[in-house]
Amino acid sequence: MASKGAALSSRVITFIAMMGALGNILSAFSIGLTMAGTVGLDLSLIAVFIAAIYGGPFIGFVTGLISGIVPGIYFGFLAPMGGQGWLALIGLPIGKSLTGLTTGSLYKVFNVNRKTSQSIFTIPIILVGYIPECFFTVFYFLGFVPFFLGWISIPLLITILIKAWLEVAFMSVLMGALAGNGGFKTFMANFLPIKNSQPT
């Protein structure tokens, strides 16, 4: 019979794999529907936020790395204009992992799973959780891209940041609704033990 620790590890790995796959599916679907040149809607962070909220900062971090694979491939090699090559395949997963790490850490520090109004607390945490990735994106396009690829585009960066914040604003409301939904939380508990889940 497997030990409790081994069983837990298996559940964690399964959860990460499931959320990573969901993130890439959401990315492929949303980019495929909305791509316009070098910019396309990317909803992969939904899976990263779910992983961070219910699994914690480490699981959010790893899920972010995995969820960045499809957008990294698309914006690196398949975008009709301005492909970023191998740099995107490295940069996008790192950015998403920062969001997972930050969101999971904030959720843990503020003990949101014990709050009675989880939806209200979740929305600002999602917004703040994206800030490190936002700064990384700026550094990526103003530092890494010119250094490694030899080009720079301020209009492209501004467009990407506006698009990203609109996406995150939408996802903050979505995650707020999910965090306040008892059925969804119970569903998540089937994959991971949600600590401190009783509201104060």
N, C-alpha and C. Protein backbone atom coordinates (compact mmCIF):
# COMPACT_ATOMS: atom_id res chain seq x y z
N MET A 1 0.86 -1.20 0.00
CA MET A 1 0.00 0.00 0.00
C MET A 1 0.88 1.24 0.00
N ALA A 2 0.59 2.21 -0.85
CA ALA A 2 1.41 3.41 -0.95
C ALA A 2 1.23 4.27 0.29
N SER A 3 2.28 4.94 0.68
CA SER A 3 2.21 5.82 1.84
C SER A 3 1.37 7.03 1.52
N LYS A 4 0.94 7.74 2.59
CA LYS A 4 0.13 8.94 2.38
C LYS A 4 0.92 10.01 1.64
N GLY A 5 2.25 10.14 1.98
CA GLY A 5 3.09 11.12 1.30
C GLY A 5 3.22 10.83 -0.17
N ALA A 6 3.38 9.52 -0.51
CA ALA A 6 3.52 9.15 -1.91
C ALA A 6 2.24 9.42 -2.67
N ALA A 7 1.10 9.12 -2.00
CA ALA A 7 -0.19 9.36 -2.64
C ALA A 7 -0.39 10.84 -2.89
N LEU A 8 0.02 11.66 -1.90
CA LEU A 8 -0.11 13.11 -2.05
C LEU A 8 0.74 13.61 -3.21
N SER A 9 1.97 13.10 -3.30
CA SER A 9 2.85 13.51 -4.39
C SER A 9 2.25 13.16 -5.74
N SER A 10 1.62 11.99 -5.82
CA SER A 10 1.00 11.57 -7.06
C SER A 10 -0.16 12.50 -7.42
N ARG A 11 -0.93 12.92 -6.43
CA ARG A 11 -2.05 13.82 -6.68
C ARG A 11 -1.54 15.19 -7.12
N VAL A 12 -0.47 15.65 -6.51
CA VAL A 12 0.11 16.94 -6.88
C VAL A 12 0.60 16.92 -8.32
N ILE A 13 1.33 15.85 -8.67
CA ILE A 13 1.84 15.73 -10.04
C ILE A 13 0.70 15.69 -11.05
N THR A 14 -0.34 14.94 -10.70
CA THR A 14 -1.51 14.84 -11.59
C THR A 14 -2.18 16.20 -11.75
N PHE A 15 -2.30 16.94 -10.64
CA PHE A 15 -2.93 18.25 -10.68
C PHE A 15 -2.13 19.21 -11.55
N ILE A 16 -0.81 19.22 -11.36
CA ILE A 16 0.05 20.10 -12.16
C ILE A 16 -0.06 19.76 -13.64
N ALA A 17 -0.02 18.45 -13.95
CA ALA A 17 -0.12 18.03 -15.35
C ALA A 17 -1.46 18.45 -15.95
N MET A 18 -2.53 18.30 -15.17
CA MET A 18 -3.86 18.65 -15.64
C MET A 18 -3.98 20.15 -15.87
N MET A 19 -3.50 20.95 -14.93
CA MET A 19 -3.57 22.40 -15.06
C MET A 19 -2.66 22.90 -16.19
N GLY A 20 -1.47 22.28 -16.31
CA GLY A 20 -0.57 22.67 -17.40
C GLY A 20 -1.19 22.38 -18.76
N ALA A 21 -1.83 21.22 -18.87
CA ALA A 21 -2.49 20.85 -20.12
C ALA A 21 -3.65 21.81 -20.40
N LEU A 22 -4.42 22.14 -19.35
CA LEU A 22 -5.54 23.08 -19.51
C LEU A 22 -5.03 24.44 -19.97
N GLY A 23 -3.94 24.90 -19.39
CA GLY A 23 -3.38 26.19 -19.78
C GLY A 23 -2.98 26.22 -21.25
N ASN A 24 -2.36 25.16 -21.72
CA ASN A 24 -1.94 25.11 -23.13
C ASN A 24 -3.14 24.97 -24.07
N ILE A 25 -4.15 24.23 -23.65
CA ILE A 25 -5.37 24.10 -24.46
C ILE A 25 -6.07 25.45 -24.57
N LEU A 26 -6.21 26.14 -23.43
CA LEU A 26 -6.84 27.47 -23.44
C LEU A 26 -6.05 28.44 -24.31
N SER A 27 -4.72 28.34 -24.24
CA SER A 27 -3.88 29.22 -25.05
C SER A 27 -4.07 28.95 -26.53
N ALA A 28 -4.01 27.68 -26.92
CA ALA A 28 -4.15 27.32 -28.33
C ALA A 28 -5.52 27.74 -28.86
N PHE A 29 -6.55 27.52 -28.06
CA PHE A 29 -7.91 27.84 -28.48
C PHE A 29 -8.10 29.34 -28.63
N SER A 30 -7.66 30.11 -27.61
CA SER A 30 -7.88 31.56 -27.64
C SER A 30 -7.01 32.24 -28.69
N ILE A 31 -5.76 31.81 -28.83
CA ILE A 31 -4.90 32.39 -29.86
C ILE A 31 -5.43 32.07 -31.25
N GLY A 32 -5.88 30.83 -31.44
CA GLY A 32 -6.41 30.41 -32.73
C GLY A 32 -7.63 31.20 -33.15
N LEU A 33 -8.43 31.62 -32.17
CA LEU A 33 -9.65 32.36 -32.49
C LEU A 33 -9.39 33.85 -32.72
N THR A 34 -8.35 34.39 -32.08
CA THR A 34 -8.22 35.84 -32.07
C THR A 34 -6.91 36.37 -32.61
N MET A 35 -6.01 35.51 -33.04
CA MET A 35 -4.68 35.99 -33.42
C MET A 35 -4.77 36.99 -34.57
N ALA A 36 -3.96 38.05 -34.42
CA ALA A 36 -3.89 39.08 -35.46
C ALA A 36 -2.43 39.51 -35.57
N GLY A 37 -1.71 38.90 -36.47
CA GLY A 37 -0.30 39.21 -36.62
C GLY A 37 0.51 38.73 -35.44
N THR A 38 1.08 39.66 -34.67
CA THR A 38 1.91 39.29 -33.54
C THR A 38 1.15 39.29 -32.22
N VAL A 39 -0.12 39.64 -32.23
CA VAL A 39 -0.89 39.74 -31.00
C VAL A 39 -2.11 38.84 -31.07
N GLY A 40 -2.36 38.09 -30.00
CA GLY A 40 -3.54 37.25 -29.94
C GLY A 40 -3.96 37.07 -28.50
N LEU A 41 -5.23 36.87 -28.27
CA LEU A 41 -5.75 36.63 -26.93
C LEU A 41 -5.15 35.34 -26.38
N ASP A 42 -4.70 35.38 -25.13
CA ASP A 42 -4.10 34.21 -24.50
C ASP A 42 -4.70 34.04 -23.12
N LEU A 43 -5.51 33.00 -22.95
CA LEU A 43 -6.20 32.77 -21.68
C LEU A 43 -5.55 31.67 -20.85
N SER A 44 -4.29 31.36 -21.13
CA SER A 44 -3.62 30.28 -20.41
C SER A 44 -3.46 30.58 -18.92
N LEU A 45 -3.46 31.86 -18.55
CA LEU A 45 -3.29 32.20 -17.14
C LEU A 45 -4.46 31.77 -16.27
N ILE A 46 -5.59 31.45 -16.87
CA ILE A 46 -6.71 30.93 -16.08
C ILE A 46 -6.27 29.69 -15.32
N ALA A 47 -5.61 28.77 -16.01
CA ALA A 47 -5.13 27.55 -15.38
C ALA A 47 -4.06 27.85 -14.34
N VAL A 48 -3.20 28.83 -14.62
CA VAL A 48 -2.14 29.21 -13.69
C VAL A 48 -2.75 29.78 -12.41
N PHE A 49 -3.75 30.62 -12.54
CA PHE A 49 -4.41 31.21 -11.37
C PHE A 49 -5.10 30.12 -10.54
N ILE A 50 -5.77 29.20 -11.20
CA ILE A 50 -6.42 28.11 -10.47
C ILE A 50 -5.38 27.31 -9.69
N ALA A 51 -4.28 26.97 -10.36
CA ALA A 51 -3.22 26.19 -9.71
C ALA A 51 -2.64 26.94 -8.53
N ALA A 52 -2.41 28.24 -8.69
CA ALA A 52 -1.81 29.05 -7.63
C ALA A 52 -2.74 29.19 -6.43
N ILE A 53 -4.01 29.41 -6.70
CA ILE A 53 -4.98 29.60 -5.62
C ILE A 53 -5.19 28.32 -4.82
N TYR A 54 -5.34 27.20 -5.51
CA TYR A 54 -5.68 25.96 -4.82
C TYR A 54 -4.47 25.08 -4.53
N GLY A 55 -3.35 25.33 -5.19
CA GLY A 55 -2.18 24.50 -4.96
C GLY A 55 -1.05 25.21 -4.26
N GLY A 56 -1.04 26.55 -4.30
CA GLY A 56 0.03 27.30 -3.65
C GLY A 56 1.05 27.82 -4.64
N PRO A 57 2.05 28.55 -4.12
CA PRO A 57 3.02 29.22 -5.00
C PRO A 57 3.87 28.27 -5.85
N PHE A 58 4.32 27.15 -5.28
CA PHE A 58 5.17 26.25 -6.06
C PHE A 58 4.40 25.63 -7.22
N ILE A 59 3.19 25.15 -6.94
CA ILE A 59 2.37 24.55 -7.99
C ILE A 59 1.98 25.59 -9.02
N GLY A 60 1.71 26.82 -8.57
CA GLY A 60 1.43 27.90 -9.51
C GLY A 60 2.62 28.19 -10.40
N PHE A 61 3.82 28.17 -9.81
CA PHE A 61 5.05 28.43 -10.56
C PHE A 61 5.27 27.37 -11.63
N VAL A 62 5.18 26.10 -11.26
CA VAL A 62 5.42 25.01 -12.22
C VAL A 62 4.35 24.99 -13.30
N THR A 63 3.10 25.22 -12.91
CA THR A 63 2.02 25.26 -13.89
C THR A 63 2.23 26.40 -14.88
N GLY A 64 2.74 27.53 -14.41
CA GLY A 64 3.04 28.65 -15.30
C GLY A 64 4.09 28.28 -16.33
N LEU A 65 5.14 27.58 -15.89
CA LEU A 65 6.17 27.14 -16.83
C LEU A 65 5.59 26.26 -17.92
N ILE A 66 4.74 25.32 -17.52
CA ILE A 66 4.15 24.39 -18.49
C ILE A 66 3.17 25.11 -19.40
N SER A 67 2.36 25.99 -18.82
CA SER A 67 1.32 26.68 -19.59
C SER A 67 1.90 27.65 -20.61
N GLY A 68 3.17 28.01 -20.46
CA GLY A 68 3.79 28.92 -21.40
C GLY A 68 4.35 28.26 -22.65
N ILE A 69 4.24 26.93 -22.73
CA ILE A 69 4.84 26.22 -23.86
C ILE A 69 4.16 26.56 -25.19
N VAL A 70 2.83 26.42 -25.25
CA VAL A 70 2.10 26.69 -26.50
C VAL A 70 2.23 28.15 -26.92
N PRO A 71 1.97 29.13 -26.03
CA PRO A 71 2.18 30.52 -26.47
C PRO A 71 3.63 30.80 -26.85
N GLY A 72 4.58 30.15 -26.17
CA GLY A 72 5.98 30.32 -26.53
C GLY A 72 6.27 29.82 -27.93
N ILE A 73 5.70 28.67 -28.28
CA ILE A 73 5.88 28.13 -29.62
C ILE A 73 5.21 29.01 -30.66
N TYR A 74 3.98 29.45 -30.36
CA TYR A 74 3.26 30.26 -31.34
C TYR A 74 3.96 31.59 -31.59
N PHE A 75 4.18 32.36 -30.51
CA PHE A 75 4.77 33.69 -30.69
C PHE A 75 6.26 33.60 -31.03
N GLY A 76 6.85 32.44 -30.81
CA GLY A 76 8.24 32.28 -31.17
C GLY A 76 8.45 31.87 -32.62
N PHE A 77 7.57 30.97 -33.12
CA PHE A 77 7.84 30.38 -34.43
C PHE A 77 6.68 30.44 -35.42
N LEU A 78 5.45 30.63 -34.94
CA LEU A 78 4.30 30.51 -35.83
C LEU A 78 3.59 31.82 -36.12
N ALA A 79 3.85 32.85 -35.34
CA ALA A 79 3.18 34.13 -35.57
C ALA A 79 3.49 34.63 -36.98
N PRO A 80 2.46 35.12 -37.71
CA PRO A 80 2.68 35.58 -39.09
C PRO A 80 3.72 36.69 -39.20
N MET A 81 3.85 37.52 -38.15
CA MET A 81 4.80 38.63 -38.19
C MET A 81 5.57 38.69 -36.87
N GLY A 82 6.85 38.97 -36.97
CA GLY A 82 7.63 39.26 -35.76
C GLY A 82 7.87 38.09 -34.85
N GLY A 83 8.05 36.88 -35.37
CA GLY A 83 8.36 35.74 -34.54
C GLY A 83 9.61 35.97 -33.70
N GLN A 84 9.58 35.55 -32.45
CA GLN A 84 10.68 35.81 -31.53
C GLN A 84 11.59 34.60 -31.34
N GLY A 85 11.31 33.52 -32.07
CA GLY A 85 12.17 32.35 -32.04
C GLY A 85 12.29 31.72 -30.67
N TRP A 86 13.47 31.18 -30.38
CA TRP A 86 13.70 30.46 -29.14
C TRP A 86 13.52 31.33 -27.91
N LEU A 87 13.69 32.64 -28.06
CA LEU A 87 13.58 33.53 -26.91
C LEU A 87 12.18 33.51 -26.31
N ALA A 88 11.16 33.45 -27.16
CA ALA A 88 9.78 33.40 -26.67
C ALA A 88 9.51 32.09 -25.95
N LEU A 89 10.13 31.01 -26.41
CA LEU A 89 9.92 29.70 -25.79
C LEU A 89 10.52 29.65 -24.39
N ILE A 90 11.44 30.56 -24.11
CA ILE A 90 12.01 30.68 -22.77
C ILE A 90 11.29 31.77 -21.98
N GLY A 91 11.09 32.91 -22.62
CA GLY A 91 10.56 34.08 -21.93
C GLY A 91 9.12 33.95 -21.48
N LEU A 92 8.24 33.43 -22.35
CA LEU A 92 6.82 33.35 -21.99
C LEU A 92 6.57 32.42 -20.81
N PRO A 93 7.15 31.22 -20.78
CA PRO A 93 6.96 30.37 -19.61
C PRO A 93 7.47 31.02 -18.32
N ILE A 94 8.60 31.73 -18.39
CA ILE A 94 9.12 32.39 -17.19
C ILE A 94 8.14 33.45 -16.70
N GLY A 95 7.61 34.24 -17.62
CA GLY A 95 6.64 35.27 -17.23
C GLY A 95 5.43 34.67 -16.54
N LYS A 96 4.87 33.61 -17.11
CA LYS A 96 3.69 32.99 -16.53
C LYS A 96 4.00 32.33 -15.19
N SER A 97 5.21 31.80 -15.06
CA SER A 97 5.59 31.18 -13.78
C SER A 97 5.69 32.24 -12.68
N LEU A 98 6.13 33.45 -13.03
CA LEU A 98 6.18 34.54 -12.06
C LEU A 98 4.78 34.88 -11.55
N THR A 99 3.80 34.87 -12.47
CA THR A 99 2.42 35.15 -12.07
C THR A 99 1.90 34.06 -11.14
N GLY A 100 2.20 32.80 -11.46
CA GLY A 100 1.76 31.71 -10.60
C GLY A 100 2.38 31.77 -9.22
N LEU A 101 3.69 32.07 -9.18
CA LEU A 101 4.40 32.16 -7.90
C LEU A 101 3.87 33.31 -7.06
N THR A 102 3.69 34.47 -7.68
CA THR A 102 3.25 35.66 -6.94
C THR A 102 1.81 35.51 -6.45
N THR A 103 0.93 35.03 -7.31
CA THR A 103 -0.47 34.87 -6.93
C THR A 103 -0.61 33.85 -5.81
N GLY A 104 0.07 32.71 -5.94
CA GLY A 104 0.01 31.69 -4.90
C GLY A 104 0.56 32.20 -3.58
N SER A 105 1.64 32.98 -3.64
CA SER A 105 2.24 33.52 -2.41
C SER A 105 1.30 34.51 -1.74
N LEU A 106 0.70 35.40 -2.53
CA LEU A 106 -0.23 36.38 -1.97
C LEU A 106 -1.45 35.70 -1.35
N TYR A 107 -1.97 34.70 -2.05
CA TYR A 107 -3.14 33.98 -1.54
C TYR A 107 -2.81 33.31 -0.21
N LYS A 108 -1.59 32.79 -0.10
CA LYS A 108 -1.16 32.12 1.12
C LYS A 108 -0.89 33.12 2.24
N VAL A 109 -0.18 34.19 1.93
CA VAL A 109 0.17 35.20 2.94
C VAL A 109 -1.08 35.82 3.55
N PHE A 110 -2.05 36.13 2.70
CA PHE A 110 -3.28 36.76 3.19
C PHE A 110 -4.34 35.74 3.60
N ASN A 111 -3.98 34.45 3.51
CA ASN A 111 -4.86 33.38 4.02
C ASN A 111 -6.28 33.51 3.47
N VAL A 112 -6.37 33.72 2.18
CA VAL A 112 -7.67 34.03 1.57
C VAL A 112 -8.65 32.87 1.69
N ASN A 113 -8.14 31.64 1.72
CA ASN A 113 -9.04 30.48 1.83
C ASN A 113 -9.81 30.46 3.15
N ARG A 114 -9.39 31.29 4.10
CA ARG A 114 -10.10 31.37 5.38
C ARG A 114 -11.02 32.59 5.46
N LYS A 115 -11.05 33.39 4.40
CA LYS A 115 -11.89 34.59 4.42
C LYS A 115 -13.33 34.24 4.07
N THR A 116 -14.24 34.99 4.63
CA THR A 116 -15.65 34.76 4.30
C THR A 116 -16.00 35.35 2.94
N SER A 117 -15.29 36.39 2.54
CA SER A 117 -15.55 37.03 1.24
C SER A 117 -14.38 36.74 0.31
N GLN A 118 -14.22 35.49 -0.06
CA GLN A 118 -13.07 35.09 -0.87
C GLN A 118 -13.08 35.76 -2.25
N SER A 119 -14.26 35.94 -2.81
CA SER A 119 -14.35 36.56 -4.13
C SER A 119 -13.79 37.97 -4.12
N ILE A 120 -14.12 38.74 -3.08
CA ILE A 120 -13.67 40.13 -2.99
C ILE A 120 -12.15 40.20 -2.87
N PHE A 121 -11.56 39.29 -2.08
CA PHE A 121 -10.11 39.30 -1.89
C PHE A 121 -9.38 38.76 -3.12
N THR A 122 -10.01 37.84 -3.82
CA THR A 122 -9.35 37.19 -4.96
C THR A 122 -9.09 38.16 -6.10
N ILE A 123 -10.05 39.03 -6.39
CA ILE A 123 -9.93 39.93 -7.54
C ILE A 123 -8.67 40.81 -7.46
N PRO A 124 -8.43 41.54 -6.35
CA PRO A 124 -7.21 42.36 -6.31
C PRO A 124 -5.93 41.52 -6.27
N ILE A 125 -5.98 40.33 -5.66
CA ILE A 125 -4.79 39.48 -5.62
C ILE A 125 -4.41 39.02 -7.02
N ILE A 126 -5.40 38.70 -7.84
CA ILE A 126 -5.13 38.31 -9.23
C ILE A 126 -4.47 39.47 -9.97
N LEU A 127 -4.99 40.66 -9.78
CA LEU A 127 -4.44 41.84 -10.46
C LEU A 127 -3.01 42.13 -10.01
N VAL A 128 -2.78 42.09 -8.71
CA VAL A 128 -1.43 42.33 -8.18
C VAL A 128 -0.49 41.20 -8.57
N GLY A 129 -1.04 39.98 -8.63
CA GLY A 129 -0.22 38.82 -8.96
C GLY A 129 0.38 38.88 -10.35
N TYR A 130 -0.22 39.66 -11.23
CA TYR A 130 0.31 39.78 -12.59
C TYR A 130 1.43 40.81 -12.70
N ILE A 131 1.59 41.68 -11.72
CA ILE A 131 2.55 42.79 -11.83
C ILE A 131 3.98 42.32 -12.12
N PRO A 132 4.51 41.28 -11.43
CA PRO A 132 5.87 40.85 -11.77
C PRO A 132 6.02 40.42 -13.22
N GLU A 133 5.02 39.70 -13.76
CA GLU A 133 5.08 39.31 -15.16
C GLU A 133 5.03 40.53 -16.06
N CYS A 134 4.27 41.55 -15.67
CA CYS A 134 4.18 42.77 -16.44
C CYS A 134 5.55 43.44 -16.55
N PHE A 135 6.25 43.55 -15.41
CA PHE A 135 7.59 44.14 -15.42
C PHE A 135 8.56 43.28 -16.22
N PHE A 136 8.40 41.96 -16.09
CA PHE A 136 9.27 41.06 -16.85
C PHE A 136 9.04 41.22 -18.34
N THR A 137 7.78 41.40 -18.74
CA THR A 137 7.45 41.61 -20.15
C THR A 137 8.12 42.86 -20.69
N VAL A 138 8.08 43.94 -19.90
CA VAL A 138 8.75 45.18 -20.31
C VAL A 138 10.24 44.95 -20.49
N PHE A 139 10.86 44.28 -19.50
CA PHE A 139 12.30 44.01 -19.58
C PHE A 139 12.62 43.09 -20.75
N TYR A 140 11.73 42.14 -20.99
CA TYR A 140 11.91 41.19 -22.09
C TYR A 140 11.99 41.92 -23.43
N PHE A 141 11.04 42.83 -23.68
CA PHE A 141 10.98 43.52 -24.97
C PHE A 141 11.97 44.68 -25.09
N LEU A 142 12.36 45.25 -23.95
CA LEU A 142 13.30 46.37 -24.01
C LEU A 142 14.75 45.94 -23.76
N GLY A 143 14.92 44.72 -23.24
CA GLY A 143 16.25 44.24 -22.94
C GLY A 143 16.65 43.01 -23.72
N PHE A 144 15.94 41.92 -23.50
CA PHE A 144 16.30 40.65 -24.12
C PHE A 144 16.11 40.66 -25.64
N VAL A 145 14.96 41.15 -26.11
CA VAL A 145 14.69 41.13 -27.55
C VAL A 145 15.72 41.96 -28.33
N PRO A 146 16.00 43.20 -27.93
CA PRO A 146 17.02 43.94 -28.67
C PRO A 146 18.40 43.28 -28.60
N PHE A 147 18.75 42.74 -27.43
CA PHE A 147 20.08 42.16 -27.26
C PHE A 147 20.26 40.89 -28.09
N PHE A 148 19.27 39.99 -28.02
CA PHE A 148 19.42 38.69 -28.68
C PHE A 148 18.90 38.67 -30.12
N LEU A 149 17.85 39.47 -30.40
CA LEU A 149 17.23 39.41 -31.72
C LEU A 149 17.50 40.64 -32.57
N GLY A 150 17.96 41.72 -31.96
CA GLY A 150 18.38 42.89 -32.72
C GLY A 150 17.26 43.80 -33.19
N TRP A 151 16.08 43.73 -32.57
CA TRP A 151 15.02 44.66 -32.94
C TRP A 151 14.26 45.08 -31.70
N ILE A 152 13.53 46.19 -31.82
CA ILE A 152 12.74 46.70 -30.71
C ILE A 152 11.49 47.35 -31.28
N SER A 153 10.37 47.20 -30.59
CA SER A 153 9.11 47.79 -31.05
C SER A 153 8.31 48.25 -29.84
N ILE A 154 8.35 49.53 -29.55
CA ILE A 154 7.59 50.10 -28.44
C ILE A 154 6.07 49.97 -28.67
N PRO A 155 5.57 50.24 -29.90
CA PRO A 155 4.13 50.07 -30.14
C PRO A 155 3.66 48.63 -29.88
N LEU A 156 4.48 47.65 -30.26
CA LEU A 156 4.12 46.25 -30.00
C LEU A 156 4.05 45.99 -28.50
N LEU A 157 5.03 46.49 -27.76
CA LEU A 157 5.04 46.31 -26.30
C LEU A 157 3.81 46.93 -25.66
N ILE A 158 3.47 48.15 -26.08
CA ILE A 158 2.29 48.82 -25.51
C ILE A 158 1.02 48.04 -25.81
N THR A 159 0.91 47.55 -27.05
CA THR A 159 -0.26 46.75 -27.43
C THR A 159 -0.37 45.49 -26.59
N ILE A 160 0.75 44.82 -26.40
CA ILE A 160 0.76 43.58 -25.61
C ILE A 160 0.38 43.85 -24.16
N LEU A 161 0.89 44.94 -23.59
CA LEU A 161 0.58 45.25 -22.19
C LEU A 161 -0.90 45.61 -22.01
N ILE A 162 -1.44 46.38 -22.94
CA ILE A 162 -2.87 46.72 -22.85
C ILE A 162 -3.71 45.46 -22.96
N LYS A 163 -3.38 44.61 -23.93
CA LYS A 163 -4.11 43.36 -24.10
C LYS A 163 -4.01 42.49 -22.86
N ALA A 164 -2.80 42.40 -22.30
CA ALA A 164 -2.58 41.55 -21.14
C ALA A 164 -3.38 42.03 -19.93
N TRP A 165 -3.40 43.33 -19.69
CA TRP A 165 -4.14 43.84 -18.53
C TRP A 165 -5.65 43.67 -18.71
N LEU A 166 -6.13 43.79 -19.94
CA LEU A 166 -7.56 43.52 -20.18
C LEU A 166 -7.87 42.05 -19.91
N GLU A 167 -6.98 41.17 -20.35
CA GLU A 167 -7.15 39.73 -20.08
C GLU A 167 -7.17 39.45 -18.58
N VAL A 168 -6.20 40.02 -17.86
CA VAL A 168 -6.09 39.76 -16.43
C VAL A 168 -7.28 40.35 -15.68
N ALA A 169 -7.77 41.51 -16.10
CA ALA A 169 -8.95 42.09 -15.48
C ALA A 169 -10.15 41.15 -15.63
N PHE A 170 -10.32 40.61 -16.84
CA PHE A 170 -11.40 39.64 -17.07
C PHE A 170 -11.20 38.41 -16.20
N MET A 171 -9.97 37.90 -16.15
CA MET A 171 -9.70 36.69 -15.39
C MET A 171 -9.83 36.91 -13.88
N SER A 172 -9.56 38.13 -13.42
CA SER A 172 -9.72 38.41 -11.99
C SER A 172 -11.18 38.27 -11.57
N VAL A 173 -12.08 38.75 -12.42
CA VAL A 173 -13.51 38.61 -12.13
C VAL A 173 -13.93 37.15 -12.20
N LEU A 174 -13.44 36.44 -13.20
CA LEU A 174 -13.74 35.01 -13.34
C LEU A 174 -13.25 34.23 -12.13
N MET A 175 -11.99 34.47 -11.72
CA MET A 175 -11.44 33.76 -10.58
C MET A 175 -12.14 34.15 -9.29
N GLY A 176 -12.57 35.40 -9.20
CA GLY A 176 -13.34 35.80 -8.03
C GLY A 176 -14.63 35.02 -7.92
N ALA A 177 -15.29 34.83 -9.05
CA ALA A 177 -16.53 34.05 -9.06
C ALA A 177 -16.28 32.60 -8.70
N LEU A 178 -15.20 32.02 -9.23
CA LEU A 178 -14.87 30.63 -8.95
C LEU A 178 -14.47 30.44 -7.48
N ALA A 179 -13.72 31.41 -6.93
CA ALA A 179 -13.28 31.31 -5.54
C ALA A 179 -14.45 31.33 -4.57
N GLY A 180 -15.53 32.00 -4.96
CA GLY A 180 -16.70 32.06 -4.11
C GLY A 180 -17.70 30.95 -4.36
N ASN A 181 -17.36 30.06 -5.27
CA ASN A 181 -18.27 28.96 -5.62
C ASN A 181 -17.89 27.71 -4.84
N GLY A 182 -18.78 27.29 -3.93
CA GLY A 182 -18.50 26.12 -3.09
C GLY A 182 -18.34 24.85 -3.89
N GLY A 183 -19.13 24.70 -4.96
CA GLY A 183 -19.04 23.50 -5.78
C GLY A 183 -17.69 23.38 -6.47
N PHE A 184 -17.19 24.50 -6.97
CA PHE A 184 -15.89 24.47 -7.64
C PHE A 184 -14.78 24.17 -6.65
N LYS A 185 -14.87 24.73 -5.46
CA LYS A 185 -13.86 24.48 -4.44
C LYS A 185 -13.86 23.01 -4.03
N THR A 186 -15.03 22.42 -3.92
CA THR A 186 -15.13 21.00 -3.59
C THR A 186 -14.52 20.15 -4.71
N PHE A 187 -14.76 20.55 -5.94
CA PHE A 187 -14.17 19.85 -7.09
C PHE A 187 -12.65 19.90 -7.03
N MET A 188 -12.10 21.08 -6.70
CA MET A 188 -10.66 21.21 -6.59
C MET A 188 -10.10 20.37 -5.45
N ALA A 189 -10.87 20.24 -4.38
CA ALA A 189 -10.42 19.45 -3.23
C ALA A 189 -10.28 17.97 -3.56
N ASN A 190 -10.90 17.53 -4.64
CA ASN A 190 -10.74 16.14 -5.06
C ASN A 190 -9.34 15.87 -5.60
N PHE A 191 -8.64 16.93 -6.00
CA PHE A 191 -7.29 16.79 -6.54
C PHE A 191 -6.23 17.18 -5.53
N LEU A 192 -6.51 18.20 -4.73
CA LEU A 192 -5.54 18.67 -3.75
C LEU A 192 -6.24 18.95 -2.43
N PRO A 193 -5.55 18.68 -1.32
CA PRO A 193 -6.11 19.08 -0.03
C PRO A 193 -5.99 20.59 0.12
N ILE A 194 -7.10 21.27 0.26
CA ILE A 194 -7.10 22.73 0.38
C ILE A 194 -6.98 23.09 1.85
N LYS A 195 -5.81 23.58 2.23
CA LYS A 195 -5.57 23.90 3.63
C LYS A 195 -6.28 25.18 4.04
N ASN A 196 -6.60 25.23 5.32
CA ASN A 196 -7.22 26.44 5.87
C ASN A 196 -8.44 26.87 5.07
N SER A 197 -9.25 25.88 4.72
CA SER A 197 -10.37 26.18 3.85
C SER A 197 -11.61 26.65 4.60
N GLN A 198 -11.56 26.60 5.93
CA GLN A 198 -12.72 27.03 6.68
C GLN A 198 -12.64 28.53 6.92
N PRO A 199 -13.70 29.25 6.55
CA PRO A 199 -13.66 30.70 6.72
C PRO A 199 -13.66 31.11 8.17
N THR A 200 -13.04 32.25 8.46
CA THR A 200 -13.02 32.75 9.83
C THR A 200 -14.17 33.71 10.03
